[in-house]
Amino acid sequence: MNVRHVLVLPDRDAAEEVAQEVVDRFGLSEDPRLVRDALAGEDDAEDAQWLVVVEDPRERLDPTALDALASEYDGWLEAP
């Protein structure tokens, strides 16, 4: 089973930093995917959240640790 973790961050800079931290801290073999998530009805880039999508095919990543990492950047781990 392939588990996908989605970390929600307030801006692109934070998302890029978290994506790099995930690779560094957890030794991932592939980079997480960054996705811009515009808030409903908003076109302005300032009103966008950024998602860091982490594939976890072996289910070895600790959701609590991922949430703690995201919170360091004013983000959170989206509940499945």
C-alpha atoms as a PDB file:
ATOM      1  CA  MET A   1       0.000   0.000   0.000  1.00  0.00           C
ATOM      2  CA  ASN A   2       1.349   3.423  -0.937  1.00  0.00           C
ATOM      3  CA  VAL A   3       0.801   6.058   1.735  1.00  0.00           C
ATOM      4  CA  ARG A   4       0.836   9.704   0.711  1.00  0.00           C
ATOM      5  CA  HIS A   5       1.535  12.424   3.269  1.00  0.00           C
ATOM      6  CA  VAL A   6       0.436  15.981   2.490  1.00  0.00           C
ATOM      7  CA  LEU A   7       2.052  18.836   4.382  1.00  0.00           C
ATOM      8  CA  VAL A   8       0.339  22.229   4.072  1.00  0.00           C
ATOM      9  CA  LEU A   9       2.572  25.307   4.164  1.00  0.00           C
ATOM     10  CA  PRO A  10       1.770  29.028   4.043  1.00  0.00           C
ATOM     11  CA  ASP A  11       3.989  29.943   1.066  1.00  0.00           C
ATOM     12  CA  ARG A  12       6.313  28.612  -1.601  1.00  0.00           C
ATOM     13  CA  ASP A  13       9.525  29.416   0.266  1.00  0.00           C
ATOM     14  CA  ALA A  14       8.399  27.438   3.308  1.00  0.00           C
ATOM     15  CA  ALA A  15       7.266  24.549   1.093  1.00  0.00           C
ATOM     16  CA  GLU A  16      10.615  24.404  -0.692  1.00  0.00           C
ATOM     17  CA  GLU A  17      12.493  24.410   2.616  1.00  0.00           C
ATOM     18  CA  VAL A  18      10.268  21.698   4.096  1.00  0.00           C
ATOM     19  CA  ALA A  19      10.634  19.552   0.967  1.00  0.00           C
ATOM     20  CA  GLN A  20      14.416  19.721   1.316  1.00  0.00           C
ATOM     21  CA  GLU A  21      14.238  19.039   5.065  1.00  0.00           C
ATOM     22  CA  VAL A  22      12.074  15.956   4.485  1.00  0.00           C
ATOM     23  CA  VAL A  23      14.691  14.558   2.108  1.00  0.00           C
ATOM     24  CA  ASP A  24      17.553  15.404   4.482  1.00  0.00           C
ATOM     25  CA  ARG A  25      15.927  14.193   7.710  1.00  0.00           C
ATOM     26  CA  PHE A  26      14.224  11.069   6.424  1.00  0.00           C
ATOM     27  CA  GLY A  27      16.613  10.033   3.641  1.00  0.00           C
ATOM     28  CA  LEU A  28      13.993   9.857   0.904  1.00  0.00           C
ATOM     29  CA  SER A  29      15.007   8.392  -2.437  1.00  0.00           C
ATOM     30  CA  GLU A  30      12.795  10.780  -4.407  1.00  0.00           C
ATOM     31  CA  ASP A  31      11.986  14.438  -3.902  1.00  0.00           C
ATOM     32  CA  PRO A  32       8.555  15.387  -2.606  1.00  0.00           C
ATOM     33  CA  ARG A  33       6.226  17.111  -5.051  1.00  0.00           C
ATOM     34  CA  LEU A  34       5.280  20.786  -4.529  1.00  0.00           C
ATOM     35  CA  VAL A  35       1.746  21.835  -5.426  1.00  0.00           C
ATOM     36  CA  ARG A  36       0.198  25.305  -5.277  1.00  0.00           C
ATOM     37  CA  ASP A  37      -3.228  25.127  -3.645  1.00  0.00           C
ATOM     38  CA  ALA A  38      -5.175  28.328  -4.340  1.00  0.00           C
ATOM     39  CA  LEU A  39      -7.874  29.049  -1.820  1.00  0.00           C
ATOM     40  CA  ALA A  40     -11.402  28.863  -3.200  1.00  0.00           C
ATOM     41  CA  GLY A  41     -12.303  31.921  -5.243  1.00  0.00           C
ATOM     42  CA  GLU A  42      -8.869  33.518  -4.950  1.00  0.00           C
ATOM     43  CA  ASP A  43      -6.625  34.292  -7.914  1.00  0.00           C
ATOM     44  CA  ASP A  44      -3.908  36.154  -6.026  1.00  0.00           C
ATOM     45  CA  ALA A  45      -0.723  34.170  -5.397  1.00  0.00           C
ATOM     46  CA  GLU A  46      -0.607  35.673  -1.898  1.00  0.00           C
ATOM     47  CA  ASP A  47      -3.743  33.694  -1.063  1.00  0.00           C
ATOM     48  CA  ALA A  48      -2.263  30.340  -1.987  1.00  0.00           C
ATOM     49  CA  GLN A  49      -1.100  27.612   0.301  1.00  0.00           C
ATOM     50  CA  TRP A  50       1.576  25.207  -0.864  1.00  0.00           C
ATOM     51  CA  LEU A  51       1.454  21.467  -0.443  1.00  0.00           C
ATOM     52  CA  VAL A  52       4.424  19.174  -0.043  1.00  0.00           C
ATOM     53  CA  VAL A  53       3.328  15.719  -1.191  1.00  0.00           C
ATOM     54  CA  VAL A  54       5.497  12.921   0.164  1.00  0.00           C
ATOM     55  CA  GLU A  55       5.105   9.387  -1.164  1.00  0.00           C
ATOM     56  CA  ASP A  56       5.721   6.726   1.478  1.00  0.00           C
ATOM     57  CA  PRO A  57       5.456   3.327  -0.262  1.00  0.00           C
ATOM     58  CA  ARG A  58       7.052   1.447   2.641  1.00  0.00           C
ATOM     59  CA  GLU A  59       5.026   3.282   5.307  1.00  0.00           C
ATOM     60  CA  ARG A  60       8.183   4.123   7.216  1.00  0.00           C
ATOM     61  CA  LEU A  61       7.650   7.848   7.811  1.00  0.00           C
ATOM     62  CA  ASP A  62       6.327   8.969  11.190  1.00  0.00           C
ATOM     63  CA  PRO A  63       3.298  11.249  10.743  1.00  0.00           C
ATOM     64  CA  THR A  64       3.997  12.909  14.100  1.00  0.00           C
ATOM     65  CA  ALA A  65       7.521  13.839  12.989  1.00  0.00           C
ATOM     66  CA  LEU A  66       6.214  15.159   9.654  1.00  0.00           C
ATOM     67  CA  ASP A  67       3.610  17.278  11.464  1.00  0.00           C
ATOM     68  CA  ALA A  68       6.284  18.631  13.820  1.00  0.00           C
ATOM     69  CA  LEU A  69       8.480  19.558  10.845  1.00  0.00           C
ATOM     70  CA  ALA A  70       5.615  21.340   9.091  1.00  0.00           C
ATOM     71  CA  SER A  71       4.710  23.218  12.275  1.00  0.00           C
ATOM     72  CA  GLU A  72       8.270  24.609  12.425  1.00  0.00           C
ATOM     73  CA  TYR A  73       7.294  26.498   9.250  1.00  0.00           C
ATOM     74  CA  ASP A  74       3.748  27.456  10.371  1.00  0.00           C
ATOM     75  CA  GLY A  75       2.231  24.508   8.546  1.00  0.00           C
ATOM     76  CA  TRP A  76       0.649  21.176   9.367  1.00  0.00           C
ATOM     77  CA  LEU A  77       0.254  17.600   8.177  1.00  0.00           C
ATOM     78  CA  GLU A  78      -3.129  17.143   6.498  1.00  0.00           C
ATOM     79  CA  ALA A  79      -5.164  14.363   8.093  1.00  0.00           C
ATOM     80  CA  PRO A  80      -5.803  11.400   5.749  1.00  0.00           C
END
